[in-house]
Amino acid sequence: MAYDETVAARVRACLGRKRAVQVAEKKMFGGLAFMVQGHMACGVLERRLMLRLGDEGTARALQSAHTRPMDFTGKPIKSMLYLEPPGFKADADLRGWVDRAVKFAQSLPPK
């Protein structure tokens, strides 16, 4: 699998606006993951966005359009979801989703 570089560039732009956030990129899940303070926050797999929102955040987010459980291994991962491209077509929508993932990653203990 691969990731869409255009989507990755849009995510980079969102993360670049957060000066106080330490971000690193890592190839994971056959795509590209964005690590915040050593924790995966979000990523791109093909054209989809992967978001790590925690168990509760993911359960709430799955009520939104264009989301589905992340089932990369065939079994749903409770703390993560996939967001299909129509769900982040607008830059403001993408920023909102990325902000939620960054906020969750920042809530985790430092690595």
PDB file of N, CA and C in Angstrom:
ATOM      1  N   MET A   1       0.834  -1.179   0.000  1.00  0.00           N
ATOM      2  CA  MET A   1       0.000   0.000   0.000  1.00  0.00           C
ATOM      3  C   MET A   1       0.875   1.238   0.000  1.00  0.00           C
ATOM      4  N   ALA A   2       0.286   2.328  -0.342  1.00  0.00           N
ATOM      5  CA  ALA A   2       1.009   3.586  -0.383  1.00  0.00           C
ATOM      6  C   ALA A   2       0.120   4.683   0.180  1.00  0.00           C
ATOM      7  N   TYR A   3       0.608   5.889   0.092  1.00  0.00           N
ATOM      8  CA  TYR A   3      -0.193   7.014   0.562  1.00  0.00           C
ATOM      9  C   TYR A   3      -0.193   8.103  -0.494  1.00  0.00           C
ATOM     10  N   ASP A   4      -1.251   8.881  -0.482  1.00  0.00           N
ATOM     11  CA  ASP A   4      -1.429   9.974  -1.420  1.00  0.00           C
ATOM     12  C   ASP A   4      -0.606  11.169  -0.928  1.00  0.00           C
ATOM     13  N   GLU A   5       0.359  11.571  -1.707  1.00  0.00           N
ATOM     14  CA  GLU A   5       1.255  12.657  -1.312  1.00  0.00           C
ATOM     15  C   GLU A   5       0.512  13.989  -1.171  1.00  0.00           C
ATOM     16  N   THR A   6      -0.534  14.196  -1.953  1.00  0.00           N
ATOM     17  CA  THR A   6      -1.306  15.435  -1.846  1.00  0.00           C
ATOM     18  C   THR A   6      -1.996  15.513  -0.489  1.00  0.00           C
ATOM     19  N   VAL A   7      -2.579  14.401  -0.049  1.00  0.00           N
ATOM     20  CA  VAL A   7      -3.216  14.367   1.273  1.00  0.00           C
ATOM     21  C   VAL A   7      -2.152  14.558   2.352  1.00  0.00           C
ATOM     22  N   ALA A   8      -1.011  13.895   2.211  1.00  0.00           N
ATOM     23  CA  ALA A   8       0.067  14.039   3.193  1.00  0.00           C
ATOM     24  C   ALA A   8       0.527  15.492   3.286  1.00  0.00           C
ATOM     25  N   ALA A   9       0.635  16.175   2.159  1.00  0.00           N
ATOM     26  CA  ALA A   9       1.057  17.582   2.160  1.00  0.00           C
ATOM     27  C   ALA A   9       0.032  18.463   2.870  1.00  0.00           C
ATOM     28  N   ARG A  10      -1.236  18.155   2.706  1.00  0.00           N
ATOM     29  CA  ARG A  10      -2.280  18.918   3.402  1.00  0.00           C
ATOM     30  C   ARG A  10      -2.187  18.706   4.909  1.00  0.00           C
ATOM     31  N   VAL A  11      -1.916  17.461   5.325  1.00  0.00           N
ATOM     32  CA  VAL A  11      -1.770  17.187   6.756  1.00  0.00           C
ATOM     33  C   VAL A  11      -0.531  17.910   7.281  1.00  0.00           C
ATOM     34  N   ARG A  12       0.566  17.868   6.537  1.00  0.00           N
ATOM     35  CA  ARG A  12       1.786  18.579   6.952  1.00  0.00           C
ATOM     36  C   ARG A  12       1.501  20.070   7.154  1.00  0.00           C
ATOM     37  N   ALA A  13       0.720  20.639   6.250  1.00  0.00           N
ATOM     38  CA  ALA A  13       0.383  22.063   6.361  1.00  0.00           C
ATOM     39  C   ALA A  13      -0.405  22.331   7.645  1.00  0.00           C
ATOM     40  N   CYS A  14      -1.326  21.450   7.987  1.00  0.00           N
ATOM     41  CA  CYS A  14      -2.090  21.604   9.232  1.00  0.00           C
ATOM     42  C   CYS A  14      -1.156  21.526  10.437  1.00  0.00           C
ATOM     43  N   LEU A  15      -0.285  20.550  10.427  1.00  0.00           N
ATOM     44  CA  LEU A  15       0.626  20.358  11.553  1.00  0.00           C
ATOM     45  C   LEU A  15       1.674  21.464  11.631  1.00  0.00           C
ATOM     46  N   GLY A  16       2.056  22.007  10.500  1.00  0.00           N
ATOM     47  CA  GLY A  16       3.054  23.076  10.464  1.00  0.00           C
ATOM     48  C   GLY A  16       2.573  24.358  11.107  1.00  0.00           C
ATOM     49  N   ARG A  17       1.278  24.516  11.222  1.00  0.00           N
ATOM     50  CA  ARG A  17       0.705  25.708  11.863  1.00  0.00           C
ATOM     51  C   ARG A  17       0.830  25.637  13.376  1.00  0.00           C
ATOM     52  N   LYS A  18       1.183  24.481  13.911  1.00  0.00           N
ATOM     53  CA  LYS A  18       1.271  24.270  15.355  1.00  0.00           C
ATOM     54  C   LYS A  18       2.738  24.332  15.774  1.00  0.00           C
ATOM     55  N   ARG A  19       3.219  25.507  16.019  1.00  0.00           N
ATOM     56  CA  ARG A  19       4.652  25.707  16.294  1.00  0.00           C
ATOM     57  C   ARG A  19       5.146  24.972  17.534  1.00  0.00           C
ATOM     58  N   ALA A  20       4.304  24.848  18.544  1.00  0.00           N
ATOM     59  CA  ALA A  20       4.741  24.242  19.806  1.00  0.00           C
ATOM     60  C   ALA A  20       4.655  22.719  19.788  1.00  0.00           C
ATOM     61  N   VAL A  21       4.239  22.152  18.670  1.00  0.00           N
ATOM     62  CA  VAL A  21       4.047  20.708  18.591  1.00  0.00           C
ATOM     63  C   VAL A  21       5.237  20.060  17.890  1.00  0.00           C
ATOM     64  N   GLN A  22       5.810  19.053  18.537  1.00  0.00           N
ATOM     65  CA  GLN A  22       6.923  18.292  17.959  1.00  0.00           C
ATOM     66  C   GLN A  22       6.332  17.195  17.080  1.00  0.00           C
ATOM     67  N   VAL A  23       6.588  17.268  15.775  1.00  0.00           N
ATOM     68  CA  VAL A  23       6.012  16.317  14.822  1.00  0.00           C
ATOM     69  C   VAL A  23       7.125  15.582  14.085  1.00  0.00           C
ATOM     70  N   ALA A  24       6.926  14.281  13.911  1.00  0.00           N
ATOM     71  CA  ALA A  24       7.843  13.466  13.102  1.00  0.00           C
ATOM     72  C   ALA A  24       6.991  12.601  12.187  1.00  0.00           C
ATOM     73  N   GLU A  25       7.556  12.226  11.074  1.00  0.00           N
ATOM     74  CA  GLU A  25       6.872  11.347  10.135  1.00  0.00           C
ATOM     75  C   GLU A  25       7.511   9.969  10.188  1.00  0.00           C
ATOM     76  N   LYS A  26       6.665   8.943  10.060  1.00  0.00           N
ATOM     77  CA  LYS A  26       7.157   7.575  10.112  1.00  0.00           C
ATOM     78  C   LYS A  26       6.289   6.716   9.195  1.00  0.00           C
ATOM     79  N   LYS A  27       6.918   5.869   8.412  1.00  0.00           N
ATOM     80  CA  LYS A  27       6.148   4.948   7.578  1.00  0.00           C
ATOM     81  C   LYS A  27       5.602   3.841   8.466  1.00  0.00           C
ATOM     82  N   MET A  28       4.280   3.712   8.478  1.00  0.00           N
ATOM     83  CA  MET A  28       3.589   2.711   9.298  1.00  0.00           C
ATOM     84  C   MET A  28       2.327   2.269   8.568  1.00  0.00           C
ATOM     85  N   PHE A  29       1.866   1.072   8.859  1.00  0.00           N
ATOM     86  CA  PHE A  29       0.605   0.566   8.319  1.00  0.00           C
ATOM     87  C   PHE A  29       0.595   0.599   6.789  1.00  0.00           C
ATOM     88  N   GLY A  30       1.748   0.623   6.161  1.00  0.00           N
ATOM     89  CA  GLY A  30       1.809   0.707   4.706  1.00  0.00           C
ATOM     90  C   GLY A  30       1.550   2.106   4.193  1.00  0.00           C
ATOM     91  N   GLY A  31       1.476   3.075   5.087  1.00  0.00           N
ATOM     92  CA  GLY A  31       1.237   4.464   4.723  1.00  0.00           C
ATOM     93  C   GLY A  31       2.214   5.362   5.457  1.00  0.00           C
ATOM     94  N   LEU A  32       1.777   6.561   5.758  1.00  0.00           N
ATOM     95  CA  LEU A  32       2.609   7.537   6.441  1.00  0.00           C
ATOM     96  C   LEU A  32       1.902   7.978   7.715  1.00  0.00           C
ATOM     97  N   ALA A  33       2.605   7.883   8.841  1.00  0.00           N
ATOM     98  CA  ALA A  33       2.048   8.302  10.130  1.00  0.00           C
ATOM     99  C   ALA A  33       2.727   9.586  10.581  1.00  0.00           C
ATOM    100  N   PHE A  34       1.965  10.424  11.258  1.00  0.00           N
ATOM    101  CA  PHE A  34       2.481  11.653  11.837  1.00  0.00           C
ATOM    102  C   PHE A  34       2.490  11.465  13.346  1.00  0.00           C
ATOM    103  N   MET A  35       3.686  11.550  13.900  1.00  0.00           N
ATOM    104  CA  MET A  35       3.884  11.324  15.319  1.00  0.00           C
ATOM    105  C   MET A  35       3.962  12.673  16.036  1.00  0.00           C
ATOM    106  N   VAL A  36       3.246  12.793  17.133  1.00  0.00           N
ATOM    107  CA  VAL A  36       3.265  13.996  17.950  1.00  0.00           C
ATOM    108  C   VAL A  36       3.794  13.597  19.318  1.00  0.00           C
ATOM    109  N   GLN A  37       4.931  14.184  19.691  1.00  0.00           N
ATOM    110  CA  GLN A  37       5.573  13.867  20.958  1.00  0.00           C
ATOM    111  C   GLN A  37       5.811  12.363  21.108  1.00  0.00           C
ATOM    112  N   GLY A  38       6.128  11.709  19.996  1.00  0.00           N
ATOM    113  CA  GLY A  38       6.428  10.287  20.004  1.00  0.00           C
ATOM    114  C   GLY A  38       5.239   9.364  19.865  1.00  0.00           C
ATOM    115  N   HIS A  39       4.034   9.911  19.831  1.00  0.00           N
ATOM    116  CA  HIS A  39       2.814   9.109  19.710  1.00  0.00           C
ATOM    117  C   HIS A  39       2.168   9.351  18.350  1.00  0.00           C
ATOM    118  N   MET A  40       1.648   8.298  17.741  1.00  0.00           N
ATOM    119  CA  MET A  40       0.938   8.482  16.486  1.00  0.00           C
ATOM    120  C   MET A  40      -0.322   9.292  16.743  1.00  0.00           C
ATOM    121  N   ALA A  41      -0.511  10.328  15.944  1.00  0.00           N
ATOM    122  CA  ALA A  41      -1.712  11.155  16.033  1.00  0.00           C
ATOM    123  C   ALA A  41      -2.620  10.882  14.838  1.00  0.00           C
ATOM    124  N   CYS A  42      -2.025  10.879  13.660  1.00  0.00           N
ATOM    125  CA  CYS A  42      -2.810  10.677  12.444  1.00  0.00           C
ATOM    126  C   CYS A  42      -1.894  10.158  11.358  1.00  0.00           C
ATOM    127  N   GLY A  43      -2.473   9.847  10.226  1.00  0.00           N
ATOM    128  CA  GLY A  43      -1.669   9.359   9.119  1.00  0.00           C
ATOM    129  C   GLY A  43      -2.484   9.298   7.846  1.00  0.00           C
ATOM    130  N   VAL A  44      -1.815   8.892   6.802  1.00  0.00           N
ATOM    131  CA  VAL A  44      -2.451   8.773   5.489  1.00  0.00           C
ATOM    132  C   VAL A  44      -2.185   7.366   4.973  1.00  0.00           C
ATOM    133  N   LEU A  45      -3.243   6.697   4.558  1.00  0.00           N
ATOM    134  CA  LEU A  45      -3.160   5.371   3.950  1.00  0.00           C
ATOM    135  C   LEU A  45      -3.971   5.437   2.667  1.00  0.00           C
ATOM    136  N   GLU A  46      -3.283   5.289   1.549  1.00  0.00           N
ATOM    137  CA  GLU A  46      -3.891   5.530   0.245  1.00  0.00           C
ATOM    138  C   GLU A  46      -4.419   6.966   0.260  1.00  0.00           C
ATOM    139  N   ARG A  47      -5.720   7.174   0.081  1.00  0.00           N
ATOM    140  CA  ARG A  47      -6.275   8.538   0.120  1.00  0.00           C
ATOM    141  C   ARG A  47      -7.016   8.807   1.424  1.00  0.00           C
ATOM    142  N   ARG A  48      -7.084   7.789   2.301  1.00  0.00           N
ATOM    143  CA  ARG A  48      -7.799   7.924   3.570  1.00  0.00           C
ATOM    144  C   ARG A  48      -6.919   8.551   4.630  1.00  0.00           C
ATOM    145  N   LEU A  49      -7.581   9.178   5.583  1.00  0.00           N
ATOM    146  CA  LEU A  49      -6.899   9.677   6.764  1.00  0.00           C
ATOM    147  C   LEU A  49      -7.067   8.649   7.868  1.00  0.00           C
ATOM    148  N   MET A  50      -6.013   8.383   8.616  1.00  0.00           N
ATOM    149  CA  MET A  50      -6.091   7.552   9.817  1.00  0.00           C
ATOM    150  C   MET A  50      -6.033   8.529  10.984  1.00  0.00           C
ATOM    151  N   LEU A  51      -6.917   8.359  11.947  1.00  0.00           N
ATOM    152  CA  LEU A  51      -6.943   9.249  13.097  1.00  0.00           C
ATOM    153  C   LEU A  51      -6.935   8.447  14.383  1.00  0.00           C
ATOM    154  N   ARG A  52      -6.092   8.835  15.298  1.00  0.00           N
ATOM    155  CA  ARG A  52      -6.058   8.219  16.619  1.00  0.00           C
ATOM    156  C   ARG A  52      -6.711   9.202  17.585  1.00  0.00           C
ATOM    157  N   LEU A  53      -7.880   8.815  18.071  1.00  0.00           N
ATOM    158  CA  LEU A  53      -8.663   9.710  18.919  1.00  0.00           C
ATOM    159  C   LEU A  53      -8.943   9.113  20.287  1.00  0.00           C
ATOM    160  N   GLY A  54      -8.401   7.942  20.575  1.00  0.00           N
ATOM    161  CA  GLY A  54      -8.708   7.265  21.828  1.00  0.00           C
ATOM    162  C   GLY A  54     -10.041   6.552  21.726  1.00  0.00           C
ATOM    163  N   ASP A  55     -10.308   5.676  22.665  1.00  0.00           N
ATOM    164  CA  ASP A  55     -11.542   4.871  22.613  1.00  0.00           C
ATOM    165  C   ASP A  55     -12.796   5.737  22.595  1.00  0.00           C
ATOM    166  N   GLU A  56     -12.901   6.683  23.524  1.00  0.00           N
ATOM    167  CA  GLU A  56     -14.104   7.516  23.607  1.00  0.00           C
ATOM    168  C   GLU A  56     -14.218   8.468  22.430  1.00  0.00           C
ATOM    169  N   GLY A  57     -13.109   9.104  22.073  1.00  0.00           N
ATOM    170  CA  GLY A  57     -13.129  10.033  20.946  1.00  0.00           C
ATOM    171  C   GLY A  57     -13.471   9.343  19.643  1.00  0.00           C
ATOM    172  N   THR A  58     -12.967   8.137  19.467  1.00  0.00           N
ATOM    173  CA  THR A  58     -13.264   7.378  18.257  1.00  0.00           C
ATOM    174  C   THR A  58     -14.729   6.968  18.228  1.00  0.00           C
ATOM    175  N   ALA A  59     -15.259   6.510  19.357  1.00  0.00           N
ATOM    176  CA  ALA A  59     -16.671   6.117  19.410  1.00  0.00           C
ATOM    177  C   ALA A  59     -17.566   7.295  19.029  1.00  0.00           C
ATOM    178  N   ARG A  60     -17.256   8.485  19.522  1.00  0.00           N
ATOM    179  CA  ARG A  60     -18.051   9.680  19.172  1.00  0.00           C
ATOM    180  C   ARG A  60     -17.880  10.023  17.701  1.00  0.00           C
ATOM    181  N   ALA A  61     -16.629   9.986  17.226  1.00  0.00           N
ATOM    182  CA  ALA A  61     -16.339  10.375  15.848  1.00  0.00           C
ATOM    183  C   ALA A  61     -16.973   9.434  14.836  1.00  0.00           C
ATOM    184  N   LEU A  62     -17.140   8.178  15.202  1.00  0.00           N
ATOM    185  CA  LEU A  62     -17.740   7.215  14.269  1.00  0.00           C
ATOM    186  C   LEU A  62     -19.204   7.525  13.970  1.00  0.00           C
ATOM    187  N   GLN A  63     -19.782   8.455  14.688  1.00  0.00           N
ATOM    188  CA  GLN A  63     -21.153   8.901  14.398  1.00  0.00           C
ATOM    189  C   GLN A  63     -21.159   9.933  13.267  1.00  0.00           C
ATOM    190  N   SER A  64     -19.982  10.414  12.882  1.00  0.00           N
ATOM    191  CA  SER A  64     -19.854  11.406  11.808  1.00  0.00           C
ATOM    192  C   SER A  64     -19.825  10.719  10.449  1.00  0.00           C
ATOM    193  N   ALA A  65     -20.248  11.459   9.456  1.00  0.00           N
ATOM    194  CA  ALA A  65     -20.243  10.945   8.081  1.00  0.00           C
ATOM    195  C   ALA A  65     -18.811  10.681   7.623  1.00  0.00           C
ATOM    196  N   HIS A  66     -18.656   9.723   6.761  1.00  0.00           N
ATOM    197  CA  HIS A  66     -17.397   9.390   6.088  1.00  0.00           C
ATOM    198  C   HIS A  66     -16.353   8.742   6.993  1.00  0.00           C
ATOM    199  N   THR A  67     -16.765   8.274   8.178  1.00  0.00           N
ATOM    200  CA  THR A  67     -15.839   7.588   9.074  1.00  0.00           C
ATOM    201  C   THR A  67     -16.180   6.101   9.105  1.00  0.00           C
ATOM    202  N   ARG A  68     -15.172   5.313   9.466  1.00  0.00           N
ATOM    203  CA  ARG A  68     -15.396   3.895   9.710  1.00  0.00           C
ATOM    204  C   ARG A  68     -14.280   3.392  10.608  1.00  0.00           C
ATOM    205  N   PRO A  69     -14.520   2.293  11.312  1.00  0.00           N
ATOM    206  CA  PRO A  69     -13.469   1.777  12.196  1.00  0.00           C
ATOM    207  C   PRO A  69     -12.209   1.435  11.414  1.00  0.00           C
ATOM    208  N   MET A  70     -11.077   1.676  12.016  1.00  0.00           N
ATOM    209  CA  MET A  70      -9.822   1.264  11.405  1.00  0.00           C
ATOM    210  C   MET A  70      -9.673  -0.225  11.665  1.00  0.00           C
ATOM    211  N   ASP A  71      -9.641  -0.983  10.601  1.00  0.00           N
ATOM    212  CA  ASP A  71      -9.585  -2.439  10.705  1.00  0.00           C
ATOM    213  C   ASP A  71      -8.419  -2.979   9.887  1.00  0.00           C
ATOM    214  N   PHE A  72      -7.294  -2.327  10.013  1.00  0.00           N
ATOM    215  CA  PHE A  72      -6.112  -2.658   9.219  1.00  0.00           C
ATOM    216  C   PHE A  72      -5.739  -4.125   9.338  1.00  0.00           C
ATOM    217  N   THR A  73      -5.858  -4.687  10.516  1.00  0.00           N
ATOM    218  CA  THR A  73      -5.474  -6.082  10.740  1.00  0.00           C
ATOM    219  C   THR A  73      -6.644  -7.045  10.551  1.00  0.00           C
ATOM    220  N   GLY A  74      -7.802  -6.523  10.171  1.00  0.00           N
ATOM    221  CA  GLY A  74      -8.996  -7.346  10.052  1.00  0.00           C
ATOM    222  C   GLY A  74      -9.866  -7.265  11.292  1.00  0.00           C
ATOM    223  N   LYS A  75      -9.309  -6.720  12.349  1.00  0.00           N
ATOM    224  CA  LYS A  75     -10.045  -6.537  13.595  1.00  0.00           C
ATOM    225  C   LYS A  75     -10.073  -5.040  13.898  1.00  0.00           C
ATOM    226  N   PRO A  76     -11.234  -4.476  14.205  1.00  0.00           N
ATOM    227  CA  PRO A  76     -11.298  -3.028  14.471  1.00  0.00           C
ATOM    228  C   PRO A  76     -10.400  -2.620  15.637  1.00  0.00           C
ATOM    229  N   ILE A  77      -9.758  -1.482  15.477  1.00  0.00           N
ATOM    230  CA  ILE A  77      -8.927  -0.895  16.522  1.00  0.00           C
ATOM    231  C   ILE A  77      -9.779   0.181  17.185  1.00  0.00           C
ATOM    232  N   LYS A  78     -10.121   0.003  18.447  1.00  0.00           N
ATOM    233  CA  LYS A  78     -11.073   0.877  19.136  1.00  0.00           C
ATOM    234  C   LYS A  78     -10.640   2.335  19.211  1.00  0.00           C
ATOM    235  N   SER A  79      -9.356   2.583  19.225  1.00  0.00           N
ATOM    236  CA  SER A  79      -8.874   3.948  19.437  1.00  0.00           C
ATOM    237  C   SER A  79      -8.591   4.709  18.142  1.00  0.00           C
ATOM    238  N   MET A  80      -8.844   4.067  16.984  1.00  0.00           N
ATOM    239  CA  MET A  80      -8.520   4.693  15.708  1.00  0.00           C
ATOM    240  C   MET A  80      -9.648   4.515  14.699  1.00  0.00           C
ATOM    241  N   LEU A  81      -9.655   5.404  13.716  1.00  0.00           N
ATOM    242  CA  LEU A  81     -10.654   5.296  12.658  1.00  0.00           C
ATOM    243  C   LEU A  81     -10.062   5.740  11.335  1.00  0.00           C
ATOM    244  N   TYR A  82     -10.774   5.395  10.273  1.00  0.00           N
ATOM    245  CA  TYR A  82     -10.466   5.886   8.936  1.00  0.00           C
ATOM    246  C   TYR A  82     -11.467   6.984   8.614  1.00  0.00           C
ATOM    247  N   LEU A  83     -10.999   8.011   7.936  1.00  0.00           N
ATOM    248  CA  LEU A  83     -11.854   9.072   7.425  1.00  0.00           C
ATOM    249  C   LEU A  83     -11.665   9.110   5.917  1.00  0.00           C
ATOM    250  N   GLU A  84     -12.752   8.930   5.204  1.00  0.00           N
ATOM    251  CA  GLU A  84     -12.708   8.928   3.741  1.00  0.00           C
ATOM    252  C   GLU A  84     -12.574  10.364   3.218  1.00  0.00           C
ATOM    253  N   PRO A  85     -12.008  10.547   2.019  1.00  0.00           N
ATOM    254  CA  PRO A  85     -11.729  11.881   1.480  1.00  0.00           C
ATOM    255  C   PRO A  85     -12.888  12.884   1.520  1.00  0.00           C
ATOM    256  N   PRO A  86     -14.141  12.495   1.276  1.00  0.00           N
ATOM    257  CA  PRO A  86     -15.196  13.518   1.358  1.00  0.00           C
ATOM    258  C   PRO A  86     -15.306  14.164   2.746  1.00  0.00           C
ATOM    259  N   GLY A  87     -14.846  13.478   3.777  1.00  0.00           N
ATOM    260  CA  GLY A  87     -14.916  14.005   5.138  1.00  0.00           C
ATOM    261  C   GLY A  87     -13.875  15.061   5.445  1.00  0.00           C
ATOM    262  N   PHE A  88     -12.884  15.210   4.572  1.00  0.00           N
ATOM    263  CA  PHE A  88     -11.869  16.248   4.799  1.00  0.00           C
ATOM    264  C   PHE A  88     -11.564  17.011   3.513  1.00  0.00           C
ATOM    265  N   LYS A  89     -12.577  17.109   2.655  1.00  0.00           N
ATOM    266  CA  LYS A  89     -12.414  17.826   1.392  1.00  0.00           C
ATOM    267  C   LYS A  89     -12.062  19.294   1.646  1.00  0.00           C
ATOM    268  N   ALA A  90     -12.773  19.921   2.580  1.00  0.00           N
ATOM    269  CA  ALA A  90     -12.497  21.317   2.924  1.00  0.00           C
ATOM    270  C   ALA A  90     -11.312  21.383   3.889  1.00  0.00           C
ATOM    271  N   ASP A  91     -10.457  22.366   3.709  1.00  0.00           N
ATOM    272  CA  ASP A  91      -9.297  22.513   4.583  1.00  0.00           C
ATOM    273  C   ASP A  91      -9.702  22.687   6.040  1.00  0.00           C
ATOM    274  N   ALA A  92     -10.787  23.403   6.285  1.00  0.00           N
ATOM    275  CA  ALA A  92     -11.249  23.604   7.664  1.00  0.00           C
ATOM    276  C   ALA A  92     -11.639  22.274   8.301  1.00  0.00           C
ATOM    277  N   ASP A  93     -12.259  21.389   7.542  1.00  0.00           N
ATOM    278  CA  ASP A  93     -12.620  20.066   8.065  1.00  0.00           C
ATOM    279  C   ASP A  93     -11.363  19.259   8.395  1.00  0.00           C
ATOM    280  N   LEU A  94     -10.390  19.283   7.491  1.00  0.00           N
ATOM    281  CA  LEU A  94      -9.139  18.564   7.734  1.00  0.00           C
ATOM    282  C   LEU A  94      -8.459  19.090   8.996  1.00  0.00           C
ATOM    283  N   ARG A  95      -8.371  20.417   9.124  1.00  0.00           N
ATOM    284  CA  ARG A  95      -7.750  21.005  10.322  1.00  0.00           C
ATOM    285  C   ARG A  95      -8.460  20.554  11.590  1.00  0.00           C
ATOM    286  N   GLY A  96      -9.784  20.510  11.556  1.00  0.00           N
ATOM    287  CA  GLY A  96     -10.537  20.082  12.729  1.00  0.00           C
ATOM    288  C   GLY A  96     -10.217  18.654  13.131  1.00  0.00           C
ATOM    289  N   TRP A  97     -10.168  17.762  12.162  1.00  0.00           N
ATOM    290  CA  TRP A  97      -9.847  16.362  12.463  1.00  0.00           C
ATOM    291  C   TRP A  97      -8.409  16.220  12.963  1.00  0.00           C
ATOM    292  N   VAL A  98      -7.467  16.875  12.294  1.00  0.00           N
ATOM    293  CA  VAL A  98      -6.068  16.791  12.708  1.00  0.00           C
ATOM    294  C   VAL A  98      -5.904  17.382  14.112  1.00  0.00           C
ATOM    295  N   ASP A  99      -6.569  18.480  14.385  1.00  0.00           N
ATOM    296  CA  ASP A  99      -6.495  19.085  15.726  1.00  0.00           C
ATOM    297  C   ASP A  99      -6.971  18.113  16.804  1.00  0.00           C
ATOM    298  N   ARG A 100      -8.041  17.386  16.520  1.00  0.00           N
ATOM    299  CA  ARG A 100      -8.548  16.401  17.490  1.00  0.00           C
ATOM    300  C   ARG A 100      -7.508  15.309  17.744  1.00  0.00           C
ATOM    301  N   ALA A 101      -6.864  14.845  16.683  1.00  0.00           N
ATOM    302  CA  ALA A 101      -5.862  13.788  16.829  1.00  0.00           C
ATOM    303  C   ALA A 101      -4.632  14.297  17.587  1.00  0.00           C
ATOM    304  N   VAL A 102      -4.216  15.523  17.303  1.00  0.00           N
ATOM    305  CA  VAL A 102      -3.064  16.107  18.003  1.00  0.00           C
ATOM    306  C   VAL A 102      -3.394  16.272  19.485  1.00  0.00           C
ATOM    307  N   LYS A 103      -4.579  16.757  19.767  1.00  0.00           N
ATOM    308  CA  LYS A 103      -4.988  16.946  21.163  1.00  0.00           C
ATOM    309  C   LYS A 103      -4.943  15.615  21.919  1.00  0.00           C
ATOM    310  N   PHE A 104      -5.422  14.542  21.278  1.00  0.00           N
ATOM    311  CA  PHE A 104      -5.371  13.240  21.939  1.00  0.00           C
ATOM    312  C   PHE A 104      -3.921  12.809  22.169  1.00  0.00           C
ATOM    313  N   ALA A 105      -3.077  12.931  21.142  1.00  0.00           N
ATOM    314  CA  ALA A 105      -1.670  12.515  21.279  1.00  0.00           C
ATOM    315  C   ALA A 105      -0.977  13.300  22.400  1.00  0.00           C
ATOM    316  N   GLN A 106      -1.303  14.571  22.518  1.00  0.00           N
ATOM    317  CA  GLN A 106      -0.695  15.397  23.566  1.00  0.00           C
ATOM    318  C   GLN A 106      -1.183  15.017  24.954  1.00  0.00           C
ATOM    319  N   SER A 107      -2.313  14.336  25.033  1.00  0.00           N
ATOM    320  CA  SER A 107      -2.844  13.920  26.348  1.00  0.00           C
ATOM    321  C   SER A 107      -2.142  12.673  26.887  1.00  0.00           C
ATOM    322  N   LEU A 108      -1.374  12.006  26.039  1.00  0.00           N
ATOM    323  CA  LEU A 108      -0.675  10.777  26.438  1.00  0.00           C
ATOM    324  C   LEU A 108       0.627  11.111  27.156  1.00  0.00           C
ATOM    325  N   PRO A 109       1.105  10.215  28.022  1.00  0.00           N
ATOM    326  CA  PRO A 109       2.373  10.464  28.718  1.00  0.00           C
ATOM    327  C   PRO A 109       3.520  10.598  27.712  1.00  0.00           C
ATOM    328  N   PRO A 110       4.467  11.466  28.010  1.00  0.00           N
ATOM    329  CA  PRO A 110       5.607  11.630  27.081  1.00  0.00           C
ATOM    330  C   PRO A 110       6.373  10.336  26.890  1.00  0.00           C
ATOM    331  N   LYS A 111       6.908  10.180  25.698  1.00  0.00           N
ATOM    332  CA  LYS A 111       7.746   8.999  25.404  1.00  0.00           C
ATOM    333  C   LYS A 111       9.184   9.392  25.543  1.00  0.00           C
TER     334      LYS A 111
END
